[in-house]
Amino acid sequence: MNPSDASRQEKARIRREMKQAWAALNTGVRAGKYSDVPAGVPESASSGLVSGQGSGSGQGPGSGVSLEAWAGRLWGQIEASKAFRGARTVLLYASLPDEVPTTALLRRWAGDKRLVLPLVCGDELLLKAYAPDAMRPGYRGIPEPLPTCPDVAPEEIDFALIPGVAFTAQGGRLGRGKGYYDRLLPRLSRAVKVGAAFPFQVLERLPLDVWDARLDVVYSFSSLG
């Protein structure tokens, strides 16, 4: 097996296990299993995963716990950062069920910053001005801006929040395999590029290739202290 084949297989394995981890997390939250965000991989998905940030379960008789509440703790740290506070034009993403939820973040900053969301167009991501009433289901069901929304040039972005399947603490990022963000990130010439992750998404290593673009910083619960 050549190195590229080995890397491709390892990436596919991590993506599968992350999908299982998100399913276990969502099930556990609905069942009231957690009183706080798990410090490691959700229990039913823990076999075989590359070691992440800690092994504690954080389990308890939780009530009223939600992914949105956990995400709010991450957003609070990001919103307090100098890079975010000083940014005028901010690239965000509309989250899927297996991503840190961004609904509250979009709602909170829609009137105070120039928010931008991606729109899939062929093999590329177009950047469009965000308007809450100008969205539709797009690629893979991801909420996207209408094509008629104003274009935003990549070099106008000051701060970019980038989704990912898994990350490393050093800024490594594994996406879904289509390369959309790997092609976009080098074009965000002046932006601070940031990832946000729950602890089980932050791994000690990732099988990254030369074309896998890195981020400037990754926020997770291990970085909140």
C-alpha atoms as a PDB file:
ATOM      1  CA  MET A   1       0.000   0.000   0.000  1.00  0.00           C
ATOM      2  CA  ASN A   2       1.478   3.365  -0.982  1.00  0.00           C
ATOM      3  CA  PRO A   3       1.391   6.333   1.441  1.00  0.00           C
ATOM      4  CA  SER A   4      -1.477   8.080  -0.356  1.00  0.00           C
ATOM      5  CA  ASP A   5      -3.657   4.955  -0.140  1.00  0.00           C
ATOM      6  CA  ALA A   6      -2.853   4.552   3.558  1.00  0.00           C
ATOM      7  CA  SER A   7      -3.696   8.203   4.223  1.00  0.00           C
ATOM      8  CA  ARG A   8      -6.971   7.931   2.326  1.00  0.00           C
ATOM      9  CA  GLN A   9      -7.999   4.843   4.260  1.00  0.00           C
ATOM     10  CA  GLU A  10      -7.094   6.405   7.605  1.00  0.00           C
ATOM     11  CA  LYS A  11      -9.083   9.519   6.771  1.00  0.00           C
ATOM     12  CA  ALA A  12     -12.082   7.396   5.811  1.00  0.00           C
ATOM     13  CA  ARG A  13     -11.832   5.491   9.092  1.00  0.00           C
ATOM     14  CA  ILE A  14     -11.749   8.689  11.153  1.00  0.00           C
ATOM     15  CA  ARG A  15     -14.737  10.089   9.262  1.00  0.00           C
ATOM     16  CA  ARG A  16     -16.732   6.916   9.941  1.00  0.00           C
ATOM     17  CA  GLU A  17     -15.883   6.928  13.627  1.00  0.00           C
ATOM     18  CA  MET A  18     -16.652  10.620  13.981  1.00  0.00           C
ATOM     19  CA  LYS A  19     -20.057  10.010  12.405  1.00  0.00           C
ATOM     20  CA  GLN A  20     -20.656   7.269  14.986  1.00  0.00           C
ATOM     21  CA  ALA A  21     -19.442   9.543  17.790  1.00  0.00           C
ATOM     22  CA  TRP A  22     -21.866  12.294  16.803  1.00  0.00           C
ATOM     23  CA  ALA A  23     -24.722   9.791  16.663  1.00  0.00           C
ATOM     24  CA  ALA A  24     -23.819   8.554  20.153  1.00  0.00           C
ATOM     25  CA  LEU A  25     -23.566  12.113  21.458  1.00  0.00           C
ATOM     26  CA  ASN A  26     -26.917  13.198  20.046  1.00  0.00           C
ATOM     27  CA  THR A  27     -28.577  10.057  21.405  1.00  0.00           C
ATOM     28  CA  GLY A  28     -26.997  10.594  24.814  1.00  0.00           C
ATOM     29  CA  VAL A  29     -28.099  14.215  24.969  1.00  0.00           C
ATOM     30  CA  ARG A  30     -31.685  13.309  24.107  1.00  0.00           C
ATOM     31  CA  ALA A  31     -31.641  10.582  26.776  1.00  0.00           C
ATOM     32  CA  GLY A  32     -30.324  12.946  29.469  1.00  0.00           C
ATOM     33  CA  LYS A  33     -27.109  10.932  29.796  1.00  0.00           C
ATOM     34  CA  TYR A  34     -24.765  13.897  30.125  1.00  0.00           C
ATOM     35  CA  SER A  35     -24.622  16.642  32.709  1.00  0.00           C
ATOM     36  CA  ASP A  36     -21.727  18.254  30.833  1.00  0.00           C
ATOM     37  CA  VAL A  37     -19.913  17.863  27.551  1.00  0.00           C
ATOM     38  CA  PRO A  38     -18.047  14.515  27.439  1.00  0.00           C
ATOM     39  CA  ALA A  39     -14.297  14.914  27.898  1.00  0.00           C
ATOM     40  CA  GLY A  40     -13.616  12.087  25.442  1.00  0.00           C
ATOM     41  CA  VAL A  41     -15.281  10.048  22.743  1.00  0.00           C
ATOM     42  CA  PRO A  42     -18.968   9.296  23.540  1.00  0.00           C
ATOM     43  CA  GLU A  43     -19.026   5.842  25.079  1.00  0.00           C
ATOM     44  CA  SER A  44     -20.800   3.818  22.401  1.00  0.00           C
ATOM     45  CA  ALA A  45     -18.387   5.094  19.736  1.00  0.00           C
ATOM     46  CA  SER A  46     -15.102   4.865  21.647  1.00  0.00           C
ATOM     47  CA  SER A  47     -13.544   1.720  20.164  1.00  0.00           C
ATOM     48  CA  GLY A  48     -10.640   2.212  17.780  1.00  0.00           C
ATOM     49  CA  LEU A  49     -10.675   6.011  17.612  1.00  0.00           C
ATOM     50  CA  VAL A  50      -7.346   7.829  17.565  1.00  0.00           C
ATOM     51  CA  SER A  51      -6.663   9.123  21.061  1.00  0.00           C
ATOM     52  CA  GLY A  52      -8.159  12.531  21.731  1.00  0.00           C
ATOM     53  CA  GLN A  53      -8.216  15.044  24.558  1.00  0.00           C
ATOM     54  CA  GLY A  54      -8.679  13.041  27.740  1.00  0.00           C
ATOM     55  CA  SER A  55     -10.729  10.002  28.635  1.00  0.00           C
ATOM     56  CA  GLY A  56     -13.218  11.200  31.229  1.00  0.00           C
ATOM     57  CA  SER A  57     -16.831  10.704  30.305  1.00  0.00           C
ATOM     58  CA  GLY A  58     -18.419  13.752  31.893  1.00  0.00           C
ATOM     59  CA  GLN A  59     -21.509  11.617  32.322  1.00  0.00           C
ATOM     60  CA  GLY A  60     -24.255  12.326  34.788  1.00  0.00           C
ATOM     61  CA  PRO A  61     -28.011  12.645  35.220  1.00  0.00           C
ATOM     62  CA  GLY A  62     -28.208  15.691  32.988  1.00  0.00           C
ATOM     63  CA  SER A  63     -31.408  17.592  32.411  1.00  0.00           C
ATOM     64  CA  GLY A  64     -31.901  20.537  30.110  1.00  0.00           C
ATOM     65  CA  VAL A  65     -28.491  19.904  28.548  1.00  0.00           C
ATOM     66  CA  SER A  66     -28.155  20.770  24.864  1.00  0.00           C
ATOM     67  CA  LEU A  67     -25.464  20.914  22.221  1.00  0.00           C
ATOM     68  CA  GLU A  68     -26.366  24.580  21.750  1.00  0.00           C
ATOM     69  CA  ALA A  69     -25.561  25.312  25.405  1.00  0.00           C
ATOM     70  CA  TRP A  70     -22.219  23.563  25.123  1.00  0.00           C
ATOM     71  CA  ALA A  71     -21.488  25.389  21.883  1.00  0.00           C
ATOM     72  CA  GLY A  72     -22.268  28.676  23.614  1.00  0.00           C
ATOM     73  CA  ARG A  73     -19.271  28.178  25.868  1.00  0.00           C
ATOM     74  CA  LEU A  74     -17.032  27.860  22.814  1.00  0.00           C
ATOM     75  CA  TRP A  75     -18.604  30.866  21.126  1.00  0.00           C
ATOM     76  CA  GLY A  76     -18.076  32.933  24.266  1.00  0.00           C
ATOM     77  CA  GLN A  77     -14.334  32.297  24.082  1.00  0.00           C
ATOM     78  CA  ILE A  78     -14.202  33.040  20.374  1.00  0.00           C
ATOM     79  CA  GLU A  79     -16.306  36.186  20.678  1.00  0.00           C
ATOM     80  CA  ALA A  80     -13.990  37.471  23.412  1.00  0.00           C
ATOM     81  CA  SER A  81     -10.896  37.009  21.242  1.00  0.00           C
ATOM     82  CA  LYS A  82      -9.134  40.047  19.847  1.00  0.00           C
ATOM     83  CA  ALA A  83      -9.369  38.654  16.310  1.00  0.00           C
ATOM     84  CA  PHE A  84     -13.152  38.292  16.425  1.00  0.00           C
ATOM     85  CA  ARG A  85     -13.772  41.580  18.225  1.00  0.00           C
ATOM     86  CA  GLY A  86     -11.744  43.450  15.637  1.00  0.00           C
ATOM     87  CA  ALA A  87     -13.293  41.711  12.637  1.00  0.00           C
ATOM     88  CA  ARG A  88     -15.813  43.495  10.459  1.00  0.00           C
ATOM     89  CA  THR A  89     -16.467  40.767   7.860  1.00  0.00           C
ATOM     90  CA  VAL A  90     -16.860  37.279   9.347  1.00  0.00           C
ATOM     91  CA  LEU A  91     -17.204  33.976   7.492  1.00  0.00           C
ATOM     92  CA  LEU A  92     -19.342  31.465   9.411  1.00  0.00           C
ATOM     93  CA  TYR A  93     -21.078  28.230   8.468  1.00  0.00           C
ATOM     94  CA  ALA A  94     -24.616  26.915   8.822  1.00  0.00           C
ATOM     95  CA  SER A  95     -24.159  23.780  10.900  1.00  0.00           C
ATOM     96  CA  LEU A  96     -25.223  20.212  10.203  1.00  0.00           C
ATOM     97  CA  PRO A  97     -26.217  17.792  13.004  1.00  0.00           C
ATOM     98  CA  ASP A  98     -22.624  16.503  13.182  1.00  0.00           C
ATOM     99  CA  GLU A  99     -21.044  19.945  13.612  1.00  0.00           C
ATOM    100  CA  VAL A 100     -20.824  22.351  16.519  1.00  0.00           C
ATOM    101  CA  PRO A 101     -24.141  24.233  16.159  1.00  0.00           C
ATOM    102  CA  THR A 102     -23.912  27.819  14.918  1.00  0.00           C
ATOM    103  CA  THR A 103     -27.575  28.887  14.941  1.00  0.00           C
ATOM    104  CA  ALA A 104     -27.224  31.135  17.992  1.00  0.00           C
ATOM    105  CA  LEU A 105     -23.955  32.609  16.725  1.00  0.00           C
ATOM    106  CA  LEU A 106     -25.522  33.599  13.411  1.00  0.00           C
ATOM    107  CA  ARG A 107     -28.547  35.071  15.137  1.00  0.00           C
ATOM    108  CA  ARG A 108     -26.485  37.037  17.644  1.00  0.00           C
ATOM    109  CA  TRP A 109     -24.164  38.751  15.170  1.00  0.00           C
ATOM    110  CA  ALA A 110     -26.380  39.203  12.107  1.00  0.00           C
ATOM    111  CA  GLY A 111     -26.979  42.862  12.911  1.00  0.00           C
ATOM    112  CA  ASP A 112     -23.543  43.812  14.248  1.00  0.00           C
ATOM    113  CA  LYS A 113     -21.077  42.304  11.803  1.00  0.00           C
ATOM    114  CA  ARG A 114     -21.061  41.622   8.102  1.00  0.00           C
ATOM    115  CA  LEU A 115     -21.688  37.884   8.132  1.00  0.00           C
ATOM    116  CA  VAL A 116     -20.820  35.680   5.192  1.00  0.00           C
ATOM    117  CA  LEU A 117     -21.799  32.078   4.407  1.00  0.00           C
ATOM    118  CA  PRO A 118     -20.533  29.710   1.692  1.00  0.00           C
ATOM    119  CA  LEU A 119     -22.546  28.561  -1.295  1.00  0.00           C
ATOM    120  CA  VAL A 120     -21.442  25.403  -3.127  1.00  0.00           C
ATOM    121  CA  CYS A 121     -21.020  26.030  -6.838  1.00  0.00           C
ATOM    122  CA  GLY A 122     -19.509  23.089  -8.695  1.00  0.00           C
ATOM    123  CA  ASP A 123     -16.164  22.312  -7.070  1.00  0.00           C
ATOM    124  CA  GLU A 124     -15.831  25.691  -5.368  1.00  0.00           C
ATOM    125  CA  LEU A 125     -17.328  27.679  -2.526  1.00  0.00           C
ATOM    126  CA  LEU A 126     -18.745  31.084  -3.369  1.00  0.00           C
ATOM    127  CA  LEU A 127     -18.962  33.538  -0.498  1.00  0.00           C
ATOM    128  CA  LYS A 128     -22.290  35.285  -0.065  1.00  0.00           C
ATOM    129  CA  ALA A 129     -23.579  37.940   2.333  1.00  0.00           C
ATOM    130  CA  TYR A 130     -25.792  36.334   4.971  1.00  0.00           C
ATOM    131  CA  ALA A 131     -29.407  37.373   5.379  1.00  0.00           C
ATOM    132  CA  PRO A 132     -31.655  35.233   7.638  1.00  0.00           C
ATOM    133  CA  ASP A 133     -34.598  35.498   5.240  1.00  0.00           C
ATOM    134  CA  ALA A 134     -32.542  34.607   2.140  1.00  0.00           C
ATOM    135  CA  MET A 135     -31.546  31.009   2.857  1.00  0.00           C
ATOM    136  CA  ARG A 136     -32.446  27.667   1.278  1.00  0.00           C
ATOM    137  CA  PRO A 137     -31.372  24.000   1.595  1.00  0.00           C
ATOM    138  CA  GLY A 138     -28.348  23.439  -0.622  1.00  0.00           C
ATOM    139  CA  TYR A 139     -25.580  20.879  -1.037  1.00  0.00           C
ATOM    140  CA  ARG A 140     -26.220  17.839   1.219  1.00  0.00           C
ATOM    141  CA  GLY A 141     -29.119  19.746   2.729  1.00  0.00           C
ATOM    142  CA  ILE A 142     -26.815  22.403   4.179  1.00  0.00           C
ATOM    143  CA  PRO A 143     -28.588  25.768   4.554  1.00  0.00           C
ATOM    144  CA  GLU A 144     -27.058  28.130   2.011  1.00  0.00           C
ATOM    145  CA  PRO A 145     -27.607  31.733   0.923  1.00  0.00           C
ATOM    146  CA  LEU A 146     -29.693  32.291  -2.158  1.00  0.00           C
ATOM    147  CA  PRO A 147     -27.600  32.738  -5.317  1.00  0.00           C
ATOM    148  CA  THR A 148     -28.963  36.280  -5.579  1.00  0.00           C
ATOM    149  CA  CYS A 149     -27.295  37.332  -2.298  1.00  0.00           C
ATOM    150  CA  PRO A 150     -24.376  39.757  -2.754  1.00  0.00           C
ATOM    151  CA  ASP A 151     -20.968  38.234  -3.466  1.00  0.00           C
ATOM    152  CA  VAL A 152     -18.117  38.739  -1.011  1.00  0.00           C
ATOM    153  CA  ALA A 153     -14.493  38.424  -2.146  1.00  0.00           C
ATOM    154  CA  PRO A 154     -12.311  36.027  -0.087  1.00  0.00           C
ATOM    155  CA  GLU A 155      -9.779  38.769   0.620  1.00  0.00           C
ATOM    156  CA  GLU A 156     -12.487  40.792   2.372  1.00  0.00           C
ATOM    157  CA  ILE A 157     -12.864  38.201   5.148  1.00  0.00           C
ATOM    158  CA  ASP A 158     -11.302  39.258   8.464  1.00  0.00           C
ATOM    159  CA  PHE A 159     -12.248  36.199  10.528  1.00  0.00           C
ATOM    160  CA  ALA A 160     -13.217  32.733   9.301  1.00  0.00           C
ATOM    161  CA  LEU A 161     -14.859  29.989  11.353  1.00  0.00           C
ATOM    162  CA  ILE A 162     -14.221  26.757   9.453  1.00  0.00           C
ATOM    163  CA  PRO A 163     -16.140  23.503  10.010  1.00  0.00           C
ATOM    164  CA  GLY A 164     -14.381  20.162  10.128  1.00  0.00           C
ATOM    165  CA  VAL A 165     -14.815  16.498  10.929  1.00  0.00           C
ATOM    166  CA  ALA A 166     -11.745  16.395  13.179  1.00  0.00           C
ATOM    167  CA  PHE A 167      -8.902  18.689  14.216  1.00  0.00           C
ATOM    168  CA  THR A 168      -5.573  18.731  16.012  1.00  0.00           C
ATOM    169  CA  ALA A 169      -4.643  21.265  18.662  1.00  0.00           C
ATOM    170  CA  GLN A 170      -1.975  22.573  16.266  1.00  0.00           C
ATOM    171  CA  GLY A 171      -4.502  23.600  13.610  1.00  0.00           C
ATOM    172  CA  GLY A 172      -4.736  20.424  11.557  1.00  0.00           C
ATOM    173  CA  ARG A 173      -8.144  19.884  10.021  1.00  0.00           C
ATOM    174  CA  LEU A 174      -9.885  16.941   8.384  1.00  0.00           C
ATOM    175  CA  GLY A 175     -12.866  17.839   6.234  1.00  0.00           C
ATOM    176  CA  ARG A 176     -15.480  15.707   4.512  1.00  0.00           C
ATOM    177  CA  GLY A 177     -13.243  14.804   1.606  1.00  0.00           C
ATOM    178  CA  LYS A 178     -14.370  17.099  -1.203  1.00  0.00           C
ATOM    179  CA  GLY A 179     -11.637  19.699  -0.702  1.00  0.00           C
ATOM    180  CA  TYR A 180     -13.939  22.738  -0.732  1.00  0.00           C
ATOM    181  CA  TYR A 181     -12.311  24.448   2.230  1.00  0.00           C
ATOM    182  CA  ASP A 182      -8.800  23.275   1.311  1.00  0.00           C
ATOM    183  CA  ARG A 183      -9.199  25.268  -1.897  1.00  0.00           C
ATOM    184  CA  LEU A 184     -10.840  28.240  -0.181  1.00  0.00           C
ATOM    185  CA  LEU A 185      -8.534  28.686   2.812  1.00  0.00           C
ATOM    186  CA  PRO A 186      -5.442  29.857   0.890  1.00  0.00           C
ATOM    187  CA  ARG A 187      -7.608  32.551  -0.709  1.00  0.00           C
ATOM    188  CA  LEU A 188      -8.606  33.991   2.689  1.00  0.00           C
ATOM    189  CA  SER A 189      -5.439  36.024   2.589  1.00  0.00           C
ATOM    190  CA  ARG A 190      -6.049  38.320   5.552  1.00  0.00           C
ATOM    191  CA  ALA A 191      -8.431  36.246   7.656  1.00  0.00           C
ATOM    192  CA  VAL A 192      -7.719  34.622  10.987  1.00  0.00           C
ATOM    193  CA  LYS A 193      -8.804  31.026  10.348  1.00  0.00           C
ATOM    194  CA  VAL A 194     -10.401  29.274  13.316  1.00  0.00           C
ATOM    195  CA  GLY A 195     -11.927  25.895  14.107  1.00  0.00           C
ATOM    196  CA  ALA A 196     -14.319  25.036  16.950  1.00  0.00           C
ATOM    197  CA  ALA A 197     -14.655  21.481  18.216  1.00  0.00           C
ATOM    198  CA  PHE A 198     -16.076  19.333  20.945  1.00  0.00           C
ATOM    199  CA  PRO A 199     -13.315  17.401  22.783  1.00  0.00           C
ATOM    200  CA  PHE A 200     -13.746  14.103  20.935  1.00  0.00           C
ATOM    201  CA  GLN A 201     -13.075  15.899  17.643  1.00  0.00           C
ATOM    202  CA  VAL A 202      -9.590  17.019  18.716  1.00  0.00           C
ATOM    203  CA  LEU A 203      -7.155  14.196  17.990  1.00  0.00           C
ATOM    204  CA  GLU A 204      -3.468  13.805  18.737  1.00  0.00           C
ATOM    205  CA  ARG A 205      -2.702  13.364  15.051  1.00  0.00           C
ATOM    206  CA  LEU A 206      -4.396  13.354  11.674  1.00  0.00           C
ATOM    207  CA  PRO A 207      -3.225  11.762   8.406  1.00  0.00           C
ATOM    208  CA  LEU A 208      -2.879  15.095   6.623  1.00  0.00           C
ATOM    209  CA  ASP A 209      -1.540  15.559   3.110  1.00  0.00           C
ATOM    210  CA  VAL A 210       0.253  18.548   1.624  1.00  0.00           C
ATOM    211  CA  TRP A 211      -3.015  19.890   0.173  1.00  0.00           C
ATOM    212  CA  ASP A 212      -4.838  19.817   3.525  1.00  0.00           C
ATOM    213  CA  ALA A 213      -4.974  23.474   4.604  1.00  0.00           C
ATOM    214  CA  ARG A 214      -4.308  24.278   8.256  1.00  0.00           C
ATOM    215  CA  LEU A 215      -6.042  26.690  10.607  1.00  0.00           C
ATOM    216  CA  ASP A 216      -4.510  29.356  12.828  1.00  0.00           C
ATOM    217  CA  VAL A 217      -6.193  28.149  16.008  1.00  0.00           C
ATOM    218  CA  VAL A 218      -8.658  25.479  17.156  1.00  0.00           C
ATOM    219  CA  TYR A 219     -10.961  26.189  20.099  1.00  0.00           C
ATOM    220  CA  SER A 220     -12.145  23.276  22.205  1.00  0.00           C
ATOM    221  CA  PHE A 221     -13.111  22.686  25.812  1.00  0.00           C
ATOM    222  CA  SER A 222      -9.504  21.748  26.576  1.00  0.00           C
ATOM    223  CA  SER A 223      -8.554  25.329  25.617  1.00  0.00           C
ATOM    224  CA  LEU A 224     -11.162  27.137  27.704  1.00  0.00           C
ATOM    225  CA  GLY A 225      -9.206  27.272  30.947  1.00  0.00           C
END
